[in-house]
Amino acid sequence: MSYEFLQTLWFVLIAVLWIGFFFLEGFDFGVGMLLPFMGKKDTERRTIINTIGSVWDGNEVWLLTAGGATFAAFPHWYATMFSGFYLALFLLLAGLILRGISFEYRSKDPNPKWRNTFDWMIAVGSFLAAFLLGTAFANLAQGVPIDENMMFTGDLFTLLNPYGILGGATAVSIFLLHGANFLALKLEGELLERIRPIASKLWIGASILSISFGTYTYFAGFWSRGRIDPGIAPIATIVTLLAAGYFIQRKREGWAFILVGMNIIFTQISFFSMMFPNVMLSSADPAFNLTIYNASSSFYTLQVMSIVALVFTPIVLAYQGWAYWVFRKRIKADPKSLIY
């Protein structure tokens, strides 16, 4: 295997890790944001939490793995992004910590005020994480100020530009819809009937924001800066989302969930296609772009990582697939069957 092949391979693998994270953690974030609004009483809220209770922490591992793979395969990319986006990533971490603590401590005390506080912490943490991730990826697509020393020269407010904010809002809307469709697959009875009209309304908002974001991206010329033409992927993001609305209206939750998931996948394929071979674009000067060539680890490091990934990745995927299979059944709001 050549050095260039390994650099390209690890760019693709990191893209796959981010795709997996957004697909899986996307509905986690959506469920978390919907929790205080969907559940009218404690039993209902516990039921909603139980839909993701067995998988949410495993889904977050995809984020850790993506970050670890970036650090090992492209240390300059990791250093520039994590130092430049430091405050944004700190807030992201705070949101994830809020969620994790709340899932674990919510049921330690039956006091309604205690549980309501943690329910809102789950919602706020989920929103914060979703919005910041969408903002960060939008800024990576647009380009950020990087100098000749691979140093980010902006600050948090540099990231809070119109395109970045629109990217964050779009991510929140898509994750809300993804979470609503997941709940429609996992719930039954009154909660199922309650989530269906909510999913229809969320689809309208997600469609408007997604089309607006795609239009902005196209007319800003961001599609044409990478070596790879994203082809039909950007179009597929819109088509799959619009098609999801058809199945939501006909209460075909399985197809709706799959199509919104495909929207997330095609969005990430479009993003990484228009970036390659860049990993971070400099708005100061294209000559300062970070690429898979000037930001990567040594040939030997990538070679060893490839062997390790070849051995352990199928094991991890098999285990996570087994977990979803074991907890595949619908959940009803019955206090006797709920796990606290």
C-alpha atoms as a PDB file:
ATOM      1  CA  MET A   1       0.000   0.000   0.000  1.00  0.00           C
ATOM      2  CA  SER A   2       1.330   3.427  -0.928  1.00  0.00           C
ATOM      3  CA  TYR A   3       1.483   6.379   1.447  1.00  0.00           C
ATOM      4  CA  GLU A   4      -1.072   8.328  -0.598  1.00  0.00           C
ATOM      5  CA  PHE A   5      -3.444   5.365  -0.585  1.00  0.00           C
ATOM      6  CA  LEU A   6      -3.294   5.148   3.223  1.00  0.00           C
ATOM      7  CA  GLN A   7      -3.862   8.886   3.584  1.00  0.00           C
ATOM      8  CA  THR A   8      -6.941   8.640   1.373  1.00  0.00           C
ATOM      9  CA  LEU A   9      -8.112   5.492   3.159  1.00  0.00           C
ATOM     10  CA  TRP A  10      -8.032   7.188   6.558  1.00  0.00           C
ATOM     11  CA  PHE A  11      -9.839  10.228   5.234  1.00  0.00           C
ATOM     12  CA  VAL A  12     -12.593   7.866   4.053  1.00  0.00           C
ATOM     13  CA  LEU A  13     -12.622   5.936   7.350  1.00  0.00           C
ATOM     14  CA  ILE A  14     -12.943   9.128   9.380  1.00  0.00           C
ATOM     15  CA  ALA A  15     -15.794  10.186   7.091  1.00  0.00           C
ATOM     16  CA  VAL A  16     -17.506   6.841   7.757  1.00  0.00           C
ATOM     17  CA  LEU A  17     -17.096   7.331  11.512  1.00  0.00           C
ATOM     18  CA  TRP A  18     -18.732  10.755  11.333  1.00  0.00           C
ATOM     19  CA  ILE A  19     -21.536   9.374   9.161  1.00  0.00           C
ATOM     20  CA  GLY A  20     -22.155   6.616  11.715  1.00  0.00           C
ATOM     21  CA  PHE A  21     -22.108   9.104  14.570  1.00  0.00           C
ATOM     22  CA  PHE A  22     -24.575  11.514  12.977  1.00  0.00           C
ATOM     23  CA  PHE A  23     -26.918   8.712  11.942  1.00  0.00           C
ATOM     24  CA  LEU A  24     -26.968   7.008  15.356  1.00  0.00           C
ATOM     25  CA  GLU A  25     -26.466   9.892  17.748  1.00  0.00           C
ATOM     26  CA  GLY A  26     -28.738  12.046  15.607  1.00  0.00           C
ATOM     27  CA  PHE A  27     -31.892  10.308  16.805  1.00  0.00           C
ATOM     28  CA  ASP A  28     -30.474  10.266  20.359  1.00  0.00           C
ATOM     29  CA  PHE A  29     -30.179  14.043  20.255  1.00  0.00           C
ATOM     30  CA  GLY A  30     -33.650  14.298  18.748  1.00  0.00           C
ATOM     31  CA  VAL A  31     -35.231  12.130  21.439  1.00  0.00           C
ATOM     32  CA  GLY A  32     -33.436  14.136  24.117  1.00  0.00           C
ATOM     33  CA  MET A  33     -34.678  17.471  22.749  1.00  0.00           C
ATOM     34  CA  LEU A  34     -38.248  16.154  22.502  1.00  0.00           C
ATOM     35  CA  LEU A  35     -38.307  14.632  25.998  1.00  0.00           C
ATOM     36  CA  PRO A  36     -39.783  17.522  28.054  1.00  0.00           C
ATOM     37  CA  PHE A  37     -42.360  18.305  25.387  1.00  0.00           C
ATOM     38  CA  MET A  38     -43.464  14.766  24.546  1.00  0.00           C
ATOM     39  CA  GLY A  39     -43.833  13.386  28.076  1.00  0.00           C
ATOM     40  CA  LYS A  40     -46.632  14.882  30.150  1.00  0.00           C
ATOM     41  CA  LYS A  41     -45.967  12.784  33.235  1.00  0.00           C
ATOM     42  CA  ASP A  42     -43.060  10.903  34.742  1.00  0.00           C
ATOM     43  CA  THR A  43     -44.047   7.482  33.421  1.00  0.00           C
ATOM     44  CA  GLU A  44     -44.209   8.816  29.858  1.00  0.00           C
ATOM     45  CA  ARG A  45     -40.863  10.554  30.142  1.00  0.00           C
ATOM     46  CA  ARG A  46     -39.261   7.419  31.547  1.00  0.00           C
ATOM     47  CA  THR A  47     -40.693   5.483  28.607  1.00  0.00           C
ATOM     48  CA  ILE A  48     -39.164   7.957  26.145  1.00  0.00           C
ATOM     49  CA  ILE A  49     -35.775   7.726  27.865  1.00  0.00           C
ATOM     50  CA  ASN A  50     -35.958   3.921  27.769  1.00  0.00           C
ATOM     51  CA  THR A  51     -36.198   3.988  23.958  1.00  0.00           C
ATOM     52  CA  ILE A  52     -32.551   5.084  23.833  1.00  0.00           C
ATOM     53  CA  GLY A  53     -31.440   3.943  27.283  1.00  0.00           C
ATOM     54  CA  SER A  54     -29.678   0.851  25.975  1.00  0.00           C
ATOM     55  CA  VAL A  55     -27.855   2.521  23.072  1.00  0.00           C
ATOM     56  CA  TRP A  56     -27.127   6.212  23.711  1.00  0.00           C
ATOM     57  CA  ASP A  57     -23.729   5.681  25.338  1.00  0.00           C
ATOM     58  CA  GLY A  58     -22.664   3.232  22.624  1.00  0.00           C
ATOM     59  CA  ASN A  59     -23.653   5.759  19.963  1.00  0.00           C
ATOM     60  CA  GLU A  60     -21.396   8.384  21.543  1.00  0.00           C
ATOM     61  CA  VAL A  61     -18.425   6.057  21.123  1.00  0.00           C
ATOM     62  CA  TRP A  62     -18.525   6.871  17.397  1.00  0.00           C
ATOM     63  CA  LEU A  63     -17.640  10.492  18.279  1.00  0.00           C
ATOM     64  CA  LEU A  64     -14.751   9.393  20.484  1.00  0.00           C
ATOM     65  CA  THR A  65     -13.492   7.062  17.780  1.00  0.00           C
ATOM     66  CA  ALA A  66     -13.736   9.776  15.104  1.00  0.00           C
ATOM     67  CA  GLY A  67     -11.778  12.170  17.314  1.00  0.00           C
ATOM     68  CA  GLY A  68      -9.192   9.522  18.180  1.00  0.00           C
ATOM     69  CA  ALA A  69      -8.770   8.494  14.546  1.00  0.00           C
ATOM     70  CA  THR A  70      -8.307  12.141  13.536  1.00  0.00           C
ATOM     71  CA  PHE A  71      -5.652  12.614  16.219  1.00  0.00           C
ATOM     72  CA  ALA A  72      -3.749   9.500  15.171  1.00  0.00           C
ATOM     73  CA  ALA A  73      -4.090   9.758  11.388  1.00  0.00           C
ATOM     74  CA  PHE A  74      -4.049  13.541  10.870  1.00  0.00           C
ATOM     75  CA  PRO A  75      -2.461  15.181  13.951  1.00  0.00           C
ATOM     76  CA  HIS A  76      -2.162  18.611  12.315  1.00  0.00           C
ATOM     77  CA  TRP A  77      -5.861  18.554  11.450  1.00  0.00           C
ATOM     78  CA  TYR A  78      -6.678  17.576  15.034  1.00  0.00           C
ATOM     79  CA  ALA A  79      -4.383  20.237  16.507  1.00  0.00           C
ATOM     80  CA  THR A  80      -5.702  23.076  14.353  1.00  0.00           C
ATOM     81  CA  MET A  81      -9.362  22.170  14.719  1.00  0.00           C
ATOM     82  CA  PHE A  82      -9.352  21.371  18.425  1.00  0.00           C
ATOM     83  CA  SER A  83      -7.294  24.423  19.362  1.00  0.00           C
ATOM     84  CA  GLY A  84      -9.176  26.780  17.042  1.00  0.00           C
ATOM     85  CA  PHE A  85     -12.615  25.441  17.945  1.00  0.00           C
ATOM     86  CA  TYR A  86     -11.626  25.091  21.598  1.00  0.00           C
ATOM     87  CA  LEU A  87     -14.483  27.032  23.205  1.00  0.00           C
ATOM     88  CA  ALA A  88     -17.088  25.553  20.848  1.00  0.00           C
ATOM     89  CA  LEU A  89     -15.814  22.030  21.570  1.00  0.00           C
ATOM     90  CA  PHE A  90     -15.757  22.793  25.293  1.00  0.00           C
ATOM     91  CA  LEU A  91     -19.437  23.748  25.093  1.00  0.00           C
ATOM     92  CA  LEU A  92     -20.085  20.572  23.075  1.00  0.00           C
ATOM     93  CA  LEU A  93     -18.417  18.527  25.795  1.00  0.00           C
ATOM     94  CA  ALA A  94     -20.476  20.347  28.433  1.00  0.00           C
ATOM     95  CA  GLY A  95     -23.654  19.435  26.549  1.00  0.00           C
ATOM     96  CA  LEU A  96     -22.651  15.778  26.321  1.00  0.00           C
ATOM     97  CA  ILE A  97     -21.763  15.720  30.032  1.00  0.00           C
ATOM     98  CA  LEU A  98     -25.136  17.268  30.909  1.00  0.00           C
ATOM     99  CA  ARG A  99     -26.876  14.499  28.962  1.00  0.00           C
ATOM    100  CA  GLY A 100     -24.794  11.708  30.463  1.00  0.00           C
ATOM    101  CA  ILE A 101     -25.240  12.880  34.042  1.00  0.00           C
ATOM    102  CA  SER A 102     -28.964  13.358  33.549  1.00  0.00           C
ATOM    103  CA  PHE A 103     -29.550   9.904  32.097  1.00  0.00           C
ATOM    104  CA  GLU A 104     -27.780   8.318  35.060  1.00  0.00           C
ATOM    105  CA  TYR A 105     -29.076  10.497  37.918  1.00  0.00           C
ATOM    106  CA  ARG A 106     -32.599  11.366  36.829  1.00  0.00           C
ATOM    107  CA  SER A 107     -34.228   8.439  38.634  1.00  0.00           C
ATOM    108  CA  LYS A 108     -32.122   8.571  41.809  1.00  0.00           C
ATOM    109  CA  ASP A 109     -34.825  10.648  43.515  1.00  0.00           C
ATOM    110  CA  PRO A 110     -38.611  10.381  42.961  1.00  0.00           C
ATOM    111  CA  ASN A 111     -39.068  14.109  43.635  1.00  0.00           C
ATOM    112  CA  PRO A 112     -40.847  15.547  40.542  1.00  0.00           C
ATOM    113  CA  LYS A 113     -38.754  18.739  40.670  1.00  0.00           C
ATOM    114  CA  TRP A 114     -35.540  16.685  40.675  1.00  0.00           C
ATOM    115  CA  ARG A 115     -36.614  14.630  37.676  1.00  0.00           C
ATOM    116  CA  ASN A 116     -37.974  17.601  35.748  1.00  0.00           C
ATOM    117  CA  THR A 117     -34.656  19.410  36.195  1.00  0.00           C
ATOM    118  CA  PHE A 118     -32.719  16.495  34.739  1.00  0.00           C
ATOM    119  CA  ASP A 119     -35.219  16.097  31.902  1.00  0.00           C
ATOM    120  CA  TRP A 120     -34.541  19.692  30.852  1.00  0.00           C
ATOM    121  CA  MET A 121     -30.809  19.115  31.229  1.00  0.00           C
ATOM    122  CA  ILE A 122     -31.115  16.239  28.747  1.00  0.00           C
ATOM    123  CA  ALA A 123     -32.985  18.516  26.332  1.00  0.00           C
ATOM    124  CA  VAL A 124     -30.577  21.434  26.691  1.00  0.00           C
ATOM    125  CA  GLY A 125     -27.502  19.196  26.430  1.00  0.00           C
ATOM    126  CA  SER A 126     -28.895  17.513  23.319  1.00  0.00           C
ATOM    127  CA  PHE A 127     -29.723  20.840  21.689  1.00  0.00           C
ATOM    128  CA  LEU A 128     -26.337  22.339  22.511  1.00  0.00           C
ATOM    129  CA  ALA A 129     -24.456  19.348  21.088  1.00  0.00           C
ATOM    130  CA  ALA A 130     -26.573  19.186  17.914  1.00  0.00           C
ATOM    131  CA  PHE A 131     -26.345  22.917  17.226  1.00  0.00           C
ATOM    132  CA  LEU A 132     -22.591  23.143  17.816  1.00  0.00           C
ATOM    133  CA  LEU A 133     -21.824  20.120  15.641  1.00  0.00           C
ATOM    134  CA  GLY A 134     -23.890  21.556  12.798  1.00  0.00           C
ATOM    135  CA  THR A 135     -22.202  24.935  13.207  1.00  0.00           C
ATOM    136  CA  ALA A 136     -18.731  23.384  13.255  1.00  0.00           C
ATOM    137  CA  PHE A 137     -19.251  21.342  10.085  1.00  0.00           C
ATOM    138  CA  ALA A 138     -20.796  24.308   8.276  1.00  0.00           C
ATOM    139  CA  ASN A 139     -17.713  26.373   9.105  1.00  0.00           C
ATOM    140  CA  LEU A 140     -15.410  23.608   7.910  1.00  0.00           C
ATOM    141  CA  ALA A 141     -17.276  23.635   4.588  1.00  0.00           C
ATOM    142  CA  GLN A 142     -17.154  27.424   4.340  1.00  0.00           C
ATOM    143  CA  GLY A 143     -13.550  27.808   5.471  1.00  0.00           C
ATOM    144  CA  VAL A 144     -12.055  29.393   8.577  1.00  0.00           C
ATOM    145  CA  PRO A 145      -9.116  31.780   9.086  1.00  0.00           C
ATOM    146  CA  ILE A 146      -5.926  29.675   9.160  1.00  0.00           C
ATOM    147  CA  ASP A 147      -2.448  31.151   8.733  1.00  0.00           C
ATOM    148  CA  GLU A 148       0.709  29.713   7.176  1.00  0.00           C
ATOM    149  CA  ASN A 149       1.587  27.980  10.463  1.00  0.00           C
ATOM    150  CA  MET A 150      -1.651  25.964  10.462  1.00  0.00           C
ATOM    151  CA  MET A 151      -2.978  28.154  13.278  1.00  0.00           C
ATOM    152  CA  PHE A 152      -6.636  29.190  13.581  1.00  0.00           C
ATOM    153  CA  THR A 153      -6.712  32.978  13.953  1.00  0.00           C
ATOM    154  CA  GLY A 154     -10.408  33.500  14.740  1.00  0.00           C
ATOM    155  CA  ASP A 155     -12.541  33.002  17.848  1.00  0.00           C
ATOM    156  CA  LEU A 156     -15.950  31.629  18.831  1.00  0.00           C
ATOM    157  CA  PHE A 157     -17.755  34.575  17.227  1.00  0.00           C
ATOM    158  CA  THR A 158     -15.941  33.847  13.962  1.00  0.00           C
ATOM    159  CA  LEU A 159     -17.849  30.561  13.879  1.00  0.00           C
ATOM    160  CA  LEU A 160     -21.193  32.223  14.663  1.00  0.00           C
ATOM    161  CA  ASN A 161     -21.613  33.631  11.168  1.00  0.00           C
ATOM    162  CA  PRO A 162     -24.873  33.368   9.179  1.00  0.00           C
ATOM    163  CA  TYR A 163     -23.801  30.204   7.335  1.00  0.00           C
ATOM    164  CA  GLY A 164     -22.587  28.544  10.534  1.00  0.00           C
ATOM    165  CA  ILE A 165     -25.769  29.405  12.422  1.00  0.00           C
ATOM    166  CA  LEU A 166     -27.914  28.123   9.530  1.00  0.00           C
ATOM    167  CA  GLY A 167     -25.887  24.889   9.563  1.00  0.00           C
ATOM    168  CA  GLY A 168     -26.476  24.514  13.294  1.00  0.00           C
ATOM    169  CA  ALA A 169     -30.218  25.182  12.974  1.00  0.00           C
ATOM    170  CA  THR A 170     -30.467  22.687  10.102  1.00  0.00           C
ATOM    171  CA  ALA A 171     -28.700  20.000  12.128  1.00  0.00           C
ATOM    172  CA  VAL A 172     -31.067  20.588  15.063  1.00  0.00           C
ATOM    173  CA  SER A 173     -34.141  20.340  12.812  1.00  0.00           C
ATOM    174  CA  ILE A 174     -32.963  17.146  11.096  1.00  0.00           C
ATOM    175  CA  PHE A 175     -32.052  15.495  14.407  1.00  0.00           C
ATOM    176  CA  LEU A 176     -35.434  16.440  15.878  1.00  0.00           C
ATOM    177  CA  LEU A 177     -37.162  14.789  12.917  1.00  0.00           C
ATOM    178  CA  HIS A 178     -34.850  11.763  13.121  1.00  0.00           C
ATOM    179  CA  GLY A 179     -35.647  11.433  16.833  1.00  0.00           C
ATOM    180  CA  ALA A 180     -39.388  11.749  16.252  1.00  0.00           C
ATOM    181  CA  ASN A 181     -39.282   8.990  13.631  1.00  0.00           C
ATOM    182  CA  PHE A 182     -37.257   6.800  15.999  1.00  0.00           C
ATOM    183  CA  LEU A 183     -39.821   7.321  18.762  1.00  0.00           C
ATOM    184  CA  ALA A 184     -42.580   6.393  16.323  1.00  0.00           C
ATOM    185  CA  LEU A 185     -40.759   3.105  15.766  1.00  0.00           C
ATOM    186  CA  LYS A 186     -40.240   2.400  19.459  1.00  0.00           C
ATOM    187  CA  LEU A 187     -43.410   3.619  21.192  1.00  0.00           C
ATOM    188  CA  GLU A 188     -46.965   2.358  21.222  1.00  0.00           C
ATOM    189  CA  GLY A 189     -50.362   3.493  22.445  1.00  0.00           C
ATOM    190  CA  GLU A 190     -51.033   7.127  23.323  1.00  0.00           C
ATOM    191  CA  LEU A 191     -47.393   8.175  23.001  1.00  0.00           C
ATOM    192  CA  LEU A 192     -47.246   6.806  19.459  1.00  0.00           C
ATOM    193  CA  GLU A 193     -50.349   8.741  18.468  1.00  0.00           C
ATOM    194  CA  ARG A 194     -48.889  11.868  20.046  1.00  0.00           C
ATOM    195  CA  ILE A 195     -45.565  11.725  18.201  1.00  0.00           C
ATOM    196  CA  ARG A 196     -47.027  11.229  14.712  1.00  0.00           C
ATOM    197  CA  PRO A 197     -48.437  14.770  14.233  1.00  0.00           C
ATOM    198  CA  ILE A 198     -45.286  16.192  15.836  1.00  0.00           C
ATOM    199  CA  ALA A 199     -43.162  14.371  13.248  1.00  0.00           C
ATOM    200  CA  SER A 200     -45.274  15.892  10.453  1.00  0.00           C
ATOM    201  CA  LYS A 201     -44.676  19.414  11.769  1.00  0.00           C
ATOM    202  CA  LEU A 202     -40.976  18.809  12.323  1.00  0.00           C
ATOM    203  CA  TRP A 203     -40.665  17.556   8.744  1.00  0.00           C
ATOM    204  CA  ILE A 204     -41.909  20.896   7.405  1.00  0.00           C
ATOM    205  CA  GLY A 205     -39.335  22.857   9.406  1.00  0.00           C
ATOM    206  CA  ALA A 206     -36.519  20.448   8.558  1.00  0.00           C
ATOM    207  CA  SER A 207     -37.357  20.629   4.838  1.00  0.00           C
ATOM    208  CA  ILE A 208     -37.356  24.429   4.774  1.00  0.00           C
ATOM    209  CA  LEU A 209     -34.032  24.692   6.643  1.00  0.00           C
ATOM    210  CA  SER A 210     -32.378  21.879   4.679  1.00  0.00           C
ATOM    211  CA  ILE A 211     -33.350  23.377   1.305  1.00  0.00           C
ATOM    212  CA  SER A 212     -32.206  26.824   2.478  1.00  0.00           C
ATOM    213  CA  PHE A 213     -28.870  25.445   3.651  1.00  0.00           C
ATOM    214  CA  GLY A 214     -28.320  23.494   0.423  1.00  0.00           C
ATOM    215  CA  THR A 215     -29.204  26.551  -1.681  1.00  0.00           C
ATOM    216  CA  TYR A 216     -26.828  28.741   0.313  1.00  0.00           C
ATOM    217  CA  THR A 217     -24.066  26.155  -0.109  1.00  0.00           C
ATOM    218  CA  TYR A 218     -24.608  25.901  -3.858  1.00  0.00           C
ATOM    219  CA  PHE A 219     -24.720  29.608  -4.632  1.00  0.00           C
ATOM    220  CA  ALA A 220     -21.746  30.291  -2.358  1.00  0.00           C
ATOM    221  CA  GLY A 221     -19.748  27.965  -4.603  1.00  0.00           C
ATOM    222  CA  PHE A 222     -18.659  25.562  -1.870  1.00  0.00           C
ATOM    223  CA  TRP A 223     -19.418  22.461  -3.991  1.00  0.00           C
ATOM    224  CA  SER A 224     -16.660  23.172  -6.514  1.00  0.00           C
ATOM    225  CA  ARG A 225     -13.602  23.445  -4.261  1.00  0.00           C
ATOM    226  CA  GLY A 226     -12.801  19.760  -3.723  1.00  0.00           C
ATOM    227  CA  ARG A 227     -11.237  17.288  -6.090  1.00  0.00           C
ATOM    228  CA  ILE A 228     -14.280  15.009  -6.063  1.00  0.00           C
ATOM    229  CA  ASP A 229     -17.570  16.083  -7.614  1.00  0.00           C
ATOM    230  CA  PRO A 230     -20.296  15.183  -5.072  1.00  0.00           C
ATOM    231  CA  GLY A 231     -22.504  14.258  -8.024  1.00  0.00           C
ATOM    232  CA  ILE A 232     -26.083  13.452  -7.095  1.00  0.00           C
ATOM    233  CA  ALA A 233     -25.395  13.300  -3.348  1.00  0.00           C
ATOM    234  CA  PRO A 234     -26.529  16.910  -2.647  1.00  0.00           C
ATOM    235  CA  ILE A 235     -29.686  16.328  -4.674  1.00  0.00           C
ATOM    236  CA  ALA A 236     -30.279  13.039  -2.876  1.00  0.00           C
ATOM    237  CA  THR A 237     -30.215  14.845   0.485  1.00  0.00           C
ATOM    238  CA  ILE A 238     -33.256  16.870  -0.549  1.00  0.00           C
ATOM    239  CA  VAL A 239     -35.040  14.039  -2.375  1.00  0.00           C
ATOM    240  CA  THR A 240     -34.783  11.623   0.565  1.00  0.00           C
ATOM    241  CA  LEU A 241     -36.012  14.259   3.000  1.00  0.00           C
ATOM    242  CA  LEU A 242     -38.999  15.177   0.833  1.00  0.00           C
ATOM    243  CA  ALA A 243     -39.802  11.493   0.305  1.00  0.00           C
ATOM    244  CA  ALA A 244     -39.727  10.972   4.082  1.00  0.00           C
ATOM    245  CA  GLY A 245     -42.672  13.362   4.375  1.00  0.00           C
ATOM    246  CA  TYR A 246     -44.757  11.083   2.153  1.00  0.00           C
ATOM    247  CA  PHE A 247     -44.233   8.125   4.490  1.00  0.00           C
ATOM    248  CA  ILE A 248     -44.696  10.205   7.648  1.00  0.00           C
ATOM    249  CA  GLN A 249     -48.136  11.246   6.420  1.00  0.00           C
ATOM    250  CA  ARG A 250     -49.034   7.594   5.766  1.00  0.00           C
ATOM    251  CA  LYS A 251     -47.719   6.430   9.155  1.00  0.00           C
ATOM    252  CA  ARG A 252     -44.982   4.304   7.614  1.00  0.00           C
ATOM    253  CA  GLU A 253     -42.470   5.022  10.361  1.00  0.00           C
ATOM    254  CA  GLY A 254     -39.870   2.513   9.230  1.00  0.00           C
ATOM    255  CA  TRP A 255     -39.465   4.039   5.777  1.00  0.00           C
ATOM    256  CA  ALA A 256     -39.591   7.561   7.196  1.00  0.00           C
ATOM    257  CA  PHE A 257     -36.779   6.733   9.610  1.00  0.00           C
ATOM    258  CA  ILE A 258     -34.667   5.155   6.870  1.00  0.00           C
ATOM    259  CA  LEU A 259     -35.135   8.091   4.493  1.00  0.00           C
ATOM    260  CA  VAL A 260     -34.233  10.735   7.067  1.00  0.00           C
ATOM    261  CA  GLY A 261     -31.234   8.588   7.941  1.00  0.00           C
ATOM    262  CA  MET A 262     -30.308   8.554   4.241  1.00  0.00           C
ATOM    263  CA  ASN A 263     -30.601  12.337   4.227  1.00  0.00           C
ATOM    264  CA  ILE A 264     -27.992  12.472   7.009  1.00  0.00           C
ATOM    265  CA  ILE A 265     -25.739  10.018   5.169  1.00  0.00           C
ATOM    266  CA  PHE A 266     -25.926  11.878   1.841  1.00  0.00           C
ATOM    267  CA  THR A 267     -25.309  15.190   3.610  1.00  0.00           C
ATOM    268  CA  GLN A 268     -22.083  13.868   5.087  1.00  0.00           C
ATOM    269  CA  ILE A 269     -21.039  12.266   1.785  1.00  0.00           C
ATOM    270  CA  SER A 270     -21.564  15.652   0.116  1.00  0.00           C
ATOM    271  CA  PHE A 271     -19.524  17.397   2.798  1.00  0.00           C
ATOM    272  CA  PHE A 272     -16.515  15.089   2.665  1.00  0.00           C
ATOM    273  CA  SER A 273     -16.628  14.918  -1.140  1.00  0.00           C
ATOM    274  CA  MET A 274     -16.455  18.673  -1.509  1.00  0.00           C
ATOM    275  CA  MET A 275     -13.623  18.844   1.063  1.00  0.00           C
ATOM    276  CA  PHE A 276     -11.300  16.143  -0.329  1.00  0.00           C
ATOM    277  CA  PRO A 277      -8.305  16.263  -0.369  1.00  0.00           C
ATOM    278  CA  ASN A 278      -8.618  19.152   2.089  1.00  0.00           C
ATOM    279  CA  VAL A 279      -9.436  18.586   5.726  1.00  0.00           C
ATOM    280  CA  MET A 280      -9.624  22.263   6.698  1.00  0.00           C
ATOM    281  CA  LEU A 281     -10.055  25.156   4.308  1.00  0.00           C
ATOM    282  CA  SER A 282      -8.327  28.477   4.981  1.00  0.00           C
ATOM    283  CA  SER A 283     -10.413  31.544   4.280  1.00  0.00           C
ATOM    284  CA  ALA A 284      -7.239  33.636   4.502  1.00  0.00           C
ATOM    285  CA  ASP A 285      -5.405  31.957   1.614  1.00  0.00           C
ATOM    286  CA  PRO A 286      -6.055  28.627  -0.181  1.00  0.00           C
ATOM    287  CA  ALA A 287      -2.301  27.985   0.031  1.00  0.00           C
ATOM    288  CA  PHE A 288      -2.758  27.549   3.790  1.00  0.00           C
ATOM    289  CA  ASN A 289      -5.345  24.766   3.456  1.00  0.00           C
ATOM    290  CA  LEU A 290      -4.746  21.650   5.504  1.00  0.00           C
ATOM    291  CA  THR A 291      -4.852  18.562   3.300  1.00  0.00           C
ATOM    292  CA  ILE A 292      -4.588  14.833   3.831  1.00  0.00           C
ATOM    293  CA  TYR A 293      -0.992  15.171   2.634  1.00  0.00           C
ATOM    294  CA  ASN A 294       0.384  17.958   4.821  1.00  0.00           C
ATOM    295  CA  ALA A 295      -1.659  17.051   7.919  1.00  0.00           C
ATOM    296  CA  SER A 296      -1.139  13.279   8.106  1.00  0.00           C
ATOM    297  CA  SER A 297       0.921  10.988  10.307  1.00  0.00           C
ATOM    298  CA  SER A 298       3.812   8.914   9.047  1.00  0.00           C
ATOM    299  CA  PHE A 299       3.447   6.003   6.655  1.00  0.00           C
ATOM    300  CA  TYR A 300       4.275   3.507   9.419  1.00  0.00           C
ATOM    301  CA  THR A 301       1.635   4.963  11.783  1.00  0.00           C
ATOM    302  CA  LEU A 302      -1.094   4.748   9.149  1.00  0.00           C
ATOM    303  CA  GLN A 303      -0.021   1.230   8.265  1.00  0.00           C
ATOM    304  CA  VAL A 304      -0.272  -0.015  11.866  1.00  0.00           C
ATOM    305  CA  MET A 305      -3.603   1.768  12.363  1.00  0.00           C
ATOM    306  CA  SER A 306      -5.001   0.099   9.250  1.00  0.00           C
ATOM    307  CA  ILE A 307      -4.142  -3.364  10.556  1.00  0.00           C
ATOM    308  CA  VAL A 308      -5.703  -2.641  13.964  1.00  0.00           C
ATOM    309  CA  ALA A 309      -8.851  -1.213  12.352  1.00  0.00           C
ATOM    310  CA  LEU A 310      -9.164  -4.249  10.079  1.00  0.00           C
ATOM    311  CA  VAL A 311      -9.171  -6.556  13.112  1.00  0.00           C
ATOM    312  CA  PHE A 312     -11.337  -4.669  15.601  1.00  0.00           C
ATOM    313  CA  THR A 313     -13.860  -2.746  13.491  1.00  0.00           C
ATOM    314  CA  PRO A 314     -15.945  -5.831  12.527  1.00  0.00           C
ATOM    315  CA  ILE A 315     -16.048  -6.882  16.203  1.00  0.00           C
ATOM    316  CA  VAL A 316     -17.332  -3.491  17.345  1.00  0.00           C
ATOM    317  CA  LEU A 317     -19.923  -3.328  14.553  1.00  0.00           C
ATOM    318  CA  ALA A 318     -21.140  -6.847  15.330  1.00  0.00           C
ATOM    319  CA  TYR A 319     -21.543  -6.036  19.013  1.00  0.00           C
ATOM    320  CA  GLN A 320     -23.450  -2.813  18.402  1.00  0.00           C
ATOM    321  CA  GLY A 321     -25.678  -4.503  15.829  1.00  0.00           C
ATOM    322  CA  TRP A 322     -26.419  -7.246  18.366  1.00  0.00           C
ATOM    323  CA  ALA A 323     -27.356  -4.633  20.999  1.00  0.00           C
ATOM    324  CA  TYR A 324     -29.885  -3.035  18.650  1.00  0.00           C
ATOM    325  CA  TRP A 325     -31.321  -6.442  17.794  1.00  0.00           C
ATOM    326  CA  VAL A 326     -31.776  -7.399  21.459  1.00  0.00           C
ATOM    327  CA  PHE A 327     -33.581  -4.121  22.285  1.00  0.00           C
ATOM    328  CA  ARG A 328     -35.602  -3.905  19.061  1.00  0.00           C
ATOM    329  CA  LYS A 329     -39.108  -4.226  20.556  1.00  0.00           C
ATOM    330  CA  ARG A 330     -41.550  -1.398  21.122  1.00  0.00           C
ATOM    331  CA  ILE A 331     -41.879   0.073  24.612  1.00  0.00           C
ATOM    332  CA  LYS A 332     -45.141   0.941  26.346  1.00  0.00           C
ATOM    333  CA  ALA A 333     -45.765   3.355  29.199  1.00  0.00           C
ATOM    334  CA  ASP A 334     -46.314   0.677  31.827  1.00  0.00           C
ATOM    335  CA  PRO A 335     -44.661   1.428  35.212  1.00  0.00           C
ATOM    336  CA  LYS A 336     -44.305  -2.314  35.895  1.00  0.00           C
ATOM    337  CA  SER A 337     -42.157  -2.911  32.799  1.00  0.00           C
ATOM    338  CA  LEU A 338     -40.067   0.263  32.838  1.00  0.00           C
ATOM    339  CA  ILE A 339     -36.459   0.189  33.962  1.00  0.00           C
ATOM    340  CA  TYR A 340     -35.460   3.009  36.295  1.00  0.00           C
END
